[in-house]
Structures are given as structure tokens and as C-alpha cells.
Amino acid sequence: MARHSLPPEYGREWTLTADNTGEVEQLLEAAFSDWVDFLFIPTPKPFVIYADHDEYTTFYANTKCNLNPMVEPFARKGFNIIEGYRRAF
């Protein structure tokens, strides 16, 4: 946030927007590096990511072909894939 002259604080229902791939990468790296709940919705929306402070991340997609390209890169970064996991709300 400091890199983009944003205040180093956050609160409920804040929204951050990234304008290009580099900013998206920085935003996701920052979000995954902290224990914050966040929802990531790209445009267009082939998938949505929800992560919580308990270090669980859930990917939602309408089809497996939208989800499959996400699996291997995250597994290479050390994320554990939990097949069949259902998030309870």
C-alpha cells in the first residue's frame, strides 16, 4: 500500500482496485502474505478467490476449465490442495 501512497490501514468493506497485471500480482501477494479476509474478483470473472484469516483459500468457478489453470501455480507456491472441501458459511 505504501508503494502506491495508500494509508497503511484497512477496515471493513474496503475495496482496492488493480489496473494491470503487475498491480494484481502485488495486490494478491500482499493479501496472501497477511492474515486478512479478502475477496478477489477479476474482470472478466472466470473465477473468484475468497481467503480468510484462518489461512484457507477457496476458488469458485462456474466450470472446471476456469479453475484448472489456477491449481498448479498455487500448488507450486506451497498451497495444499484439499479435494472436495466445502466451505461452510
C-alpha atoms as a PDB file:
ATOM      1  CA  MET A   1       0.000   0.000   0.000  1.00  0.00           C
ATOM      2  CA  ALA A   2       2.877   2.352   0.763  1.00  0.00           C
ATOM      3  CA  ARG A   3       4.277   1.800  -2.721  1.00  0.00           C
ATOM      4  CA  HIS A   4       1.058   3.330  -4.093  1.00  0.00           C
ATOM      5  CA  SER A   5       0.770   6.101  -1.472  1.00  0.00           C
ATOM      6  CA  LEU A   6      -2.167   4.414   0.265  1.00  0.00           C
ATOM      7  CA  PRO A   7      -2.611   4.676   4.043  1.00  0.00           C
ATOM      8  CA  PRO A   8      -1.215   1.645   5.936  1.00  0.00           C
ATOM      9  CA  GLU A   9      -4.560   0.851   7.483  1.00  0.00           C
ATOM     10  CA  TYR A  10      -7.616  -1.007   6.372  1.00  0.00           C
ATOM     11  CA  GLY A  11     -11.119  -1.634   7.595  1.00  0.00           C
ATOM     12  CA  ARG A  12     -14.340  -3.402   6.886  1.00  0.00           C
ATOM     13  CA  GLU A  13     -15.727  -3.219   3.383  1.00  0.00           C
ATOM     14  CA  TRP A  14     -12.672  -1.525   1.832  1.00  0.00           C
ATOM     15  CA  THR A  15     -12.060  -2.051  -1.855  1.00  0.00           C
ATOM     16  CA  LEU A  16      -8.732  -1.921  -3.669  1.00  0.00           C
ATOM     17  CA  THR A  17      -8.604  -1.941  -7.459  1.00  0.00           C
ATOM     18  CA  ALA A  18      -5.682  -3.014  -9.634  1.00  0.00           C
ATOM     19  CA  ASP A  19      -5.358  -1.597 -13.135  1.00  0.00           C
ATOM     20  CA  ASN A  20      -2.849  -4.018 -14.660  1.00  0.00           C
ATOM     21  CA  THR A  21      -1.275  -7.449 -14.215  1.00  0.00           C
ATOM     22  CA  GLY A  22       1.652  -6.097 -12.203  1.00  0.00           C
ATOM     23  CA  GLU A  23      -0.663  -4.410  -9.722  1.00  0.00           C
ATOM     24  CA  VAL A  24      -2.794  -7.556  -9.477  1.00  0.00           C
ATOM     25  CA  GLU A  25       0.300  -9.592  -8.640  1.00  0.00           C
ATOM     26  CA  GLN A  26       1.357  -7.086  -5.969  1.00  0.00           C
ATOM     27  CA  LEU A  27      -2.138  -6.954  -4.505  1.00  0.00           C
ATOM     28  CA  LEU A  28      -2.504 -10.733  -4.306  1.00  0.00           C
ATOM     29  CA  GLU A  29       0.994 -11.163  -2.890  1.00  0.00           C
ATOM     30  CA  ALA A  30       0.211  -8.633  -0.155  1.00  0.00           C
ATOM     31  CA  ALA A  31      -3.180 -10.192   0.605  1.00  0.00           C
ATOM     32  CA  PHE A  32      -1.824 -13.750   0.763  1.00  0.00           C
ATOM     33  CA  SER A  33       1.102 -12.594   2.941  1.00  0.00           C
ATOM     34  CA  ASP A  34      -1.168 -11.316   5.699  1.00  0.00           C
ATOM     35  CA  TRP A  35      -3.932 -12.829   7.776  1.00  0.00           C
ATOM     36  CA  VAL A  36      -6.797 -10.885   6.291  1.00  0.00           C
ATOM     37  CA  ASP A  37     -10.128 -11.945   4.889  1.00  0.00           C
ATOM     38  CA  PHE A  38     -10.407 -10.914   1.265  1.00  0.00           C
ATOM     39  CA  LEU A  39     -12.414 -11.487  -1.861  1.00  0.00           C
ATOM     40  CA  PHE A  40     -10.698 -11.198  -5.242  1.00  0.00           C
ATOM     41  CA  ILE A  41     -12.943 -10.715  -8.259  1.00  0.00           C
ATOM     42  CA  PRO A  42     -11.117 -10.322 -11.587  1.00  0.00           C
ATOM     43  CA  THR A  43     -12.676  -8.769 -14.667  1.00  0.00           C
ATOM     44  CA  PRO A  44     -13.865 -10.756 -16.531  1.00  0.00           C
ATOM     45  CA  LYS A  45     -14.853 -13.238 -13.821  1.00  0.00           C
ATOM     46  CA  PRO A  46     -13.613 -16.701 -14.827  1.00  0.00           C
ATOM     47  CA  PHE A  47     -13.122 -17.404 -11.098  1.00  0.00           C
ATOM     48  CA  VAL A  48     -13.371 -15.722  -7.696  1.00  0.00           C
ATOM     49  CA  ILE A  49     -10.986 -16.164  -4.762  1.00  0.00           C
ATOM     50  CA  TYR A  50     -12.066 -15.961  -1.124  1.00  0.00           C
ATOM     51  CA  ALA A  51      -9.417 -16.190   1.592  1.00  0.00           C
ATOM     52  CA  ASP A  52      -9.853 -15.941   5.332  1.00  0.00           C
ATOM     53  CA  HIS A  53      -7.642 -15.188   8.315  1.00  0.00           C
ATOM     54  CA  ASP A  54      -7.516 -18.925   9.145  1.00  0.00           C
ATOM     55  CA  GLU A  55      -5.300 -19.324   6.067  1.00  0.00           C
ATOM     56  CA  TYR A  56      -7.913 -21.106   3.952  1.00  0.00           C
ATOM     57  CA  THR A  57      -8.382 -20.023   0.358  1.00  0.00           C
ATOM     58  CA  THR A  58     -11.342 -21.082  -1.752  1.00  0.00           C
ATOM     59  CA  PHE A  59     -11.572 -20.730  -5.516  1.00  0.00           C
ATOM     60  CA  TYR A  60     -15.015 -20.531  -7.083  1.00  0.00           C
ATOM     61  CA  ALA A  61     -15.590 -21.062 -10.804  1.00  0.00           C
ATOM     62  CA  ASN A  62     -18.562 -21.907 -12.983  1.00  0.00           C
ATOM     63  CA  THR A  63     -16.582 -24.606 -14.808  1.00  0.00           C
ATOM     64  CA  LYS A  64     -13.543 -26.766 -14.088  1.00  0.00           C
ATOM     65  CA  CYS A  65     -11.820 -25.383 -17.194  1.00  0.00           C
ATOM     66  CA  ASN A  66     -11.864 -21.955 -15.486  1.00  0.00           C
ATOM     67  CA  LEU A  67     -10.496 -23.455 -12.283  1.00  0.00           C
ATOM     68  CA  ASN A  68      -7.883 -25.921 -13.565  1.00  0.00           C
ATOM     69  CA  PRO A  69      -5.324 -23.286 -14.688  1.00  0.00           C
ATOM     70  CA  MET A  70      -5.208 -21.996 -11.089  1.00  0.00           C
ATOM     71  CA  VAL A  71      -4.368 -25.303  -9.400  1.00  0.00           C
ATOM     72  CA  GLU A  72      -0.779 -25.988 -10.481  1.00  0.00           C
ATOM     73  CA  PRO A  73       0.658 -22.468  -9.973  1.00  0.00           C
ATOM     74  CA  PHE A  74      -0.727 -22.303  -6.432  1.00  0.00           C
ATOM     75  CA  ALA A  75       0.471 -25.834  -5.652  1.00  0.00           C
ATOM     76  CA  ARG A  76       3.991 -24.844  -6.837  1.00  0.00           C
ATOM     77  CA  LYS A  77       3.871 -21.903  -4.396  1.00  0.00           C
ATOM     78  CA  GLY A  78       3.212 -24.282  -1.485  1.00  0.00           C
ATOM     79  CA  PHE A  79      -0.568 -24.175  -1.235  1.00  0.00           C
ATOM     80  CA  ASN A  80      -2.117 -27.511  -0.244  1.00  0.00           C
ATOM     81  CA  ILE A  81      -4.953 -28.675  -2.471  1.00  0.00           C
ATOM     82  CA  ILE A  82      -7.881 -30.123  -0.486  1.00  0.00           C
ATOM     83  CA  GLU A  83     -10.053 -32.080  -2.919  1.00  0.00           C
ATOM     84  CA  GLY A  84     -13.772 -31.966  -2.231  1.00  0.00           C
ATOM     85  CA  TYR A  85     -13.508 -29.314   0.506  1.00  0.00           C
ATOM     86  CA  ARG A  86     -16.745 -27.440   1.042  1.00  0.00           C
ATOM     87  CA  ARG A  87     -16.640 -24.076   2.769  1.00  0.00           C
ATOM     88  CA  ALA A  88     -19.384 -23.740   5.394  1.00  0.00           C
ATOM     89  CA  PHE A  89     -20.846 -20.252   5.764  1.00  0.00           C
END
